[in-house]
């Protein structure tokens, strides 16, 4: 248990940041899920539009330090590669 006021404040900040980061990660995951569902359904145009929104959301998460730069680019690259193979 924190005894000093600075430690108490630090604890409050950590709790707040953690909840925000989990919310943002969850948001990114749901956008990615939409892309995967469109790819599995064979809907190329829907997959492209959902990838664009997911890409935007992932860039925001990357900017805020939730995901690393290379992780984001790897995921986007793999998804766009899968979309290109759709007929």
N, C-alpha and C. Protein backbone atom coordinates (compact mmCIF):
# COMPACT_ATOMS: atom_id res chain seq x y z
N UNK A 1 0.84 -1.18 0.00
CA UNK A 1 0.00 0.00 0.00
C UNK A 1 0.88 1.24 0.00
N UNK A 2 0.51 2.22 -0.79
CA UNK A 2 1.30 3.44 -0.89
C UNK A 2 1.08 4.32 0.35
N UNK A 3 2.16 4.89 0.86
CA UNK A 3 2.06 5.75 2.04
C UNK A 3 2.27 7.21 1.69
N UNK A 4 3.12 7.51 0.74
CA UNK A 4 3.39 8.89 0.37
C UNK A 4 2.38 9.37 -0.66
N UNK A 5 2.12 10.65 -0.64
CA UNK A 5 1.12 11.21 -1.56
C UNK A 5 1.54 11.04 -3.02
N UNK A 6 2.84 11.15 -3.29
CA UNK A 6 3.33 10.98 -4.66
C UNK A 6 3.11 9.55 -5.14
N UNK A 7 3.31 8.59 -4.26
CA UNK A 7 3.11 7.19 -4.61
C UNK A 7 1.63 6.91 -4.85
N UNK A 8 0.77 7.54 -4.06
CA UNK A 8 -0.68 7.38 -4.25
C UNK A 8 -1.12 7.95 -5.59
N UNK A 9 -0.57 9.11 -5.93
CA UNK A 9 -0.90 9.73 -7.21
C UNK A 9 -0.41 8.85 -8.37
N UNK A 10 0.79 8.33 -8.22
CA UNK A 10 1.36 7.46 -9.24
C UNK A 10 0.48 6.23 -9.46
N UNK A 11 -0.03 5.68 -8.38
CA UNK A 11 -0.91 4.53 -8.46
C UNK A 11 -2.20 4.88 -9.19
N UNK A 12 -2.76 6.05 -8.90
CA UNK A 12 -3.98 6.49 -9.59
C UNK A 12 -3.73 6.65 -11.08
N UNK A 13 -2.57 7.21 -11.44
CA UNK A 13 -2.24 7.41 -12.85
C UNK A 13 -2.08 6.07 -13.58
N UNK A 14 -1.45 5.11 -12.93
CA UNK A 14 -1.25 3.80 -13.54
C UNK A 14 -2.59 3.13 -13.82
N UNK A 15 -3.50 3.21 -12.86
CA UNK A 15 -4.82 2.61 -13.03
C UNK A 15 -5.55 3.26 -14.19
N UNK A 16 -5.47 4.57 -14.28
CA UNK A 16 -6.15 5.31 -15.34
C UNK A 16 -5.56 4.95 -16.71
N UNK A 17 -4.23 4.94 -16.81
CA UNK A 17 -3.56 4.62 -18.07
C UNK A 17 -3.85 3.19 -18.51
N UNK A 18 -3.84 2.27 -17.55
CA UNK A 18 -4.09 0.87 -17.87
C UNK A 18 -5.48 0.68 -18.45
N UNK A 19 -6.47 1.33 -17.85
CA UNK A 19 -7.83 1.16 -18.35
C UNK A 19 -7.98 1.78 -19.74
N UNK A 20 -7.34 2.92 -19.97
CA UNK A 20 -7.39 3.54 -21.30
C UNK A 20 -6.71 2.66 -22.34
N UNK A 21 -5.55 2.11 -21.99
CA UNK A 21 -4.83 1.28 -22.94
C UNK A 21 -5.58 0.00 -23.26
N UNK A 22 -6.23 -0.61 -22.27
CA UNK A 22 -6.99 -1.83 -22.55
C UNK A 22 -8.18 -1.50 -23.44
N UNK A 23 -8.79 -0.35 -23.23
CA UNK A 23 -9.91 0.07 -24.08
C UNK A 23 -9.44 0.26 -25.52
N UNK A 24 -8.30 0.91 -25.69
CA UNK A 24 -7.77 1.16 -27.04
C UNK A 24 -7.36 -0.14 -27.72
N UNK A 25 -6.74 -1.06 -26.98
CA UNK A 25 -6.36 -2.35 -27.55
C UNK A 25 -7.58 -3.13 -27.98
N UNK A 26 -8.61 -3.10 -27.17
CA UNK A 26 -9.84 -3.81 -27.48
C UNK A 26 -10.46 -3.24 -28.75
N UNK A 27 -10.42 -1.92 -28.88
CA UNK A 27 -10.96 -1.25 -30.06
C UNK A 27 -10.22 -1.69 -31.32
N UNK A 28 -8.90 -1.75 -31.24
CA UNK A 28 -8.09 -2.18 -32.38
C UNK A 28 -8.42 -3.63 -32.73
N UNK A 29 -8.54 -4.48 -31.72
CA UNK A 29 -8.85 -5.89 -31.96
C UNK A 29 -10.19 -6.06 -32.66
N UNK A 30 -11.18 -5.25 -32.27
CA UNK A 30 -12.49 -5.39 -32.91
C UNK A 30 -12.44 -4.93 -34.37
N UNK A 31 -11.66 -3.90 -34.68
CA UNK A 31 -11.51 -3.47 -36.06
C UNK A 31 -10.79 -4.54 -36.89
N UNK A 32 -9.78 -5.17 -36.29
CA UNK A 32 -9.06 -6.24 -36.98
C UNK A 32 -9.96 -7.45 -37.19
N UNK A 33 -10.83 -7.71 -36.24
CA UNK A 33 -11.76 -8.82 -36.38
C UNK A 33 -12.69 -8.60 -37.57
N UNK A 34 -13.12 -7.35 -37.76
CA UNK A 34 -13.97 -7.03 -38.92
C UNK A 34 -13.24 -7.33 -40.23
N UNK A 35 -11.97 -7.01 -40.28
CA UNK A 35 -11.17 -7.27 -41.48
C UNK A 35 -11.08 -8.78 -41.72
N UNK A 36 -10.78 -9.53 -40.66
CA UNK A 36 -10.65 -10.99 -40.80
C UNK A 36 -11.97 -11.62 -41.25
N UNK A 37 -13.08 -11.15 -40.70
CA UNK A 37 -14.38 -11.70 -41.09
C UNK A 37 -14.68 -11.42 -42.56
N UNK A 38 -14.34 -10.23 -43.01
CA UNK A 38 -14.56 -9.88 -44.42
C UNK A 38 -13.69 -10.74 -45.34
N UNK A 39 -12.45 -10.99 -44.92
CA UNK A 39 -11.54 -11.82 -45.72
C UNK A 39 -12.06 -13.26 -45.79
N UNK A 40 -12.50 -13.78 -44.65
CA UNK A 40 -13.02 -15.16 -44.62
C UNK A 40 -14.30 -15.29 -45.45
N UNK A 41 -15.09 -14.21 -45.49
CA UNK A 41 -16.31 -14.22 -46.27
C UNK A 41 -16.08 -14.01 -47.75
N UNK A 42 -14.86 -13.65 -48.13
CA UNK A 42 -14.53 -13.44 -49.53
C UNK A 42 -15.01 -12.10 -50.07
N UNK A 43 -15.29 -11.15 -49.18
CA UNK A 43 -15.78 -9.82 -49.59
C UNK A 43 -14.60 -8.86 -49.70
N UNK A 44 -14.09 -8.71 -50.90
CA UNK A 44 -12.86 -7.95 -51.11
C UNK A 44 -13.05 -6.46 -50.83
N UNK A 45 -14.13 -5.85 -51.33
CA UNK A 45 -14.34 -4.42 -51.14
C UNK A 45 -14.58 -4.08 -49.67
N UNK A 46 -15.37 -4.91 -49.01
CA UNK A 46 -15.63 -4.69 -47.59
C UNK A 46 -14.34 -4.84 -46.79
N UNK A 47 -13.52 -5.80 -47.17
CA UNK A 47 -12.24 -6.02 -46.49
C UNK A 47 -11.32 -4.81 -46.67
N UNK A 48 -11.32 -4.24 -47.87
CA UNK A 48 -10.47 -3.06 -48.12
C UNK A 48 -10.89 -1.88 -47.25
N UNK A 49 -12.20 -1.62 -47.20
CA UNK A 49 -12.66 -0.48 -46.40
C UNK A 49 -12.43 -0.71 -44.91
N UNK A 50 -12.67 -1.93 -44.45
CA UNK A 50 -12.44 -2.20 -43.03
C UNK A 50 -10.95 -2.18 -42.69
N UNK A 51 -10.10 -2.54 -43.65
CA UNK A 51 -8.66 -2.45 -43.43
C UNK A 51 -8.23 -0.99 -43.28
N UNK A 52 -8.82 -0.12 -44.09
CA UNK A 52 -8.48 1.30 -44.00
C UNK A 52 -8.81 1.86 -42.61
N UNK A 53 -9.98 1.51 -42.08
CA UNK A 53 -10.34 2.00 -40.75
C UNK A 53 -9.47 1.36 -39.67
N UNK A 54 -9.18 0.07 -39.83
CA UNK A 54 -8.32 -0.61 -38.85
C UNK A 54 -6.91 -0.03 -38.87
N UNK A 55 -6.44 0.30 -40.07
CA UNK A 55 -5.11 0.88 -40.21
C UNK A 55 -5.02 2.22 -39.48
N UNK A 56 -6.06 3.02 -39.62
CA UNK A 56 -6.11 4.31 -38.94
C UNK A 56 -6.10 4.13 -37.43
N UNK A 57 -6.89 3.20 -36.95
CA UNK A 57 -6.97 2.95 -35.51
C UNK A 57 -5.65 2.41 -34.97
N UNK A 58 -4.98 1.56 -35.74
CA UNK A 58 -3.70 1.02 -35.30
C UNK A 58 -2.62 2.10 -35.29
N UNK A 59 -2.71 3.03 -36.23
CA UNK A 59 -1.74 4.13 -36.25
C UNK A 59 -1.88 5.00 -35.01
N UNK A 60 -3.12 5.23 -34.60
CA UNK A 60 -3.36 6.00 -33.38
C UNK A 60 -2.79 5.27 -32.17
N UNK A 61 -3.00 3.95 -32.12
CA UNK A 61 -2.48 3.16 -31.00
C UNK A 61 -0.96 3.18 -31.01
N UNK A 62 -0.37 3.12 -32.20
CA UNK A 62 1.09 3.17 -32.33
C UNK A 62 1.61 4.51 -31.83
N UNK A 63 0.92 5.57 -32.19
CA UNK A 63 1.34 6.91 -31.79
C UNK A 63 1.31 7.07 -30.27
N UNK A 64 0.36 6.39 -29.64
CA UNK A 64 0.22 6.50 -28.18
C UNK A 64 1.07 5.48 -27.43
N UNK A 65 1.84 4.66 -28.18
CA UNK A 65 2.77 3.74 -27.54
C UNK A 65 2.16 2.43 -27.09
N UNK A 66 0.98 2.09 -27.60
CA UNK A 66 0.34 0.84 -27.22
C UNK A 66 0.92 -0.32 -28.02
N UNK A 67 1.17 -0.08 -29.29
CA UNK A 67 1.80 -1.07 -30.16
C UNK A 67 3.11 -0.51 -30.69
N UNK A 68 4.05 -1.40 -31.00
CA UNK A 68 5.31 -0.96 -31.60
C UNK A 68 5.11 -0.74 -33.09
N UNK A 69 5.98 0.08 -33.66
CA UNK A 69 5.88 0.45 -35.07
C UNK A 69 5.95 -0.77 -35.98
N UNK A 70 6.90 -1.66 -35.74
CA UNK A 70 7.07 -2.83 -36.61
C UNK A 70 5.91 -3.80 -36.49
N UNK A 71 5.32 -3.89 -35.32
CA UNK A 71 4.18 -4.77 -35.12
C UNK A 71 3.02 -4.31 -35.98
N UNK A 72 2.76 -3.02 -35.95
CA UNK A 72 1.65 -2.45 -36.72
C UNK A 72 1.89 -2.67 -38.21
N UNK A 73 3.09 -2.38 -38.68
CA UNK A 73 3.35 -2.54 -40.11
C UNK A 73 3.29 -4.01 -40.53
N UNK A 74 3.73 -4.92 -39.67
CA UNK A 74 3.66 -6.34 -40.00
C UNK A 74 2.21 -6.80 -40.13
N UNK A 75 1.36 -6.40 -39.20
CA UNK A 75 -0.05 -6.80 -39.23
C UNK A 75 -0.74 -6.25 -40.47
N UNK A 76 -0.51 -4.97 -40.76
CA UNK A 76 -1.14 -4.33 -41.93
C UNK A 76 -0.65 -4.99 -43.21
N UNK A 77 0.63 -5.29 -43.28
CA UNK A 77 1.21 -5.92 -44.46
C UNK A 77 0.59 -7.28 -44.72
N UNK A 78 0.46 -8.07 -43.67
CA UNK A 78 -0.10 -9.42 -43.82
C UNK A 78 -1.56 -9.37 -44.24
N UNK A 79 -2.30 -8.43 -43.66
CA UNK A 79 -3.72 -8.32 -44.01
C UNK A 79 -3.90 -7.86 -45.46
N UNK A 80 -3.12 -6.88 -45.87
CA UNK A 80 -3.26 -6.39 -47.25
C UNK A 80 -2.84 -7.48 -48.24
N UNK A 81 -1.87 -8.29 -47.86
CA UNK A 81 -1.44 -9.40 -48.71
C UNK A 81 -2.58 -10.41 -48.87
N UNK A 82 -3.29 -10.69 -47.78
CA UNK A 82 -4.42 -11.62 -47.84
C UNK A 82 -5.55 -11.05 -48.69
N UNK A 83 -5.77 -9.75 -48.60
CA UNK A 83 -6.84 -9.12 -49.38
C UNK A 83 -6.51 -9.16 -50.87
N UNK A 84 -5.23 -9.00 -51.22
CA UNK A 84 -4.84 -9.04 -52.62
C UNK A 84 -5.05 -10.42 -53.25
N UNK A 85 -4.94 -11.46 -52.43
CA UNK A 85 -5.13 -12.81 -52.97
C UNK A 85 -6.60 -13.15 -53.20
N UNK A 86 -7.52 -12.38 -52.61
CA UNK A 86 -8.95 -12.63 -52.84
C UNK A 86 -9.30 -12.36 -54.30
N UNK A 87 -10.22 -13.15 -54.83
CA UNK A 87 -10.62 -12.94 -56.24
C UNK A 87 -11.94 -12.23 -56.31
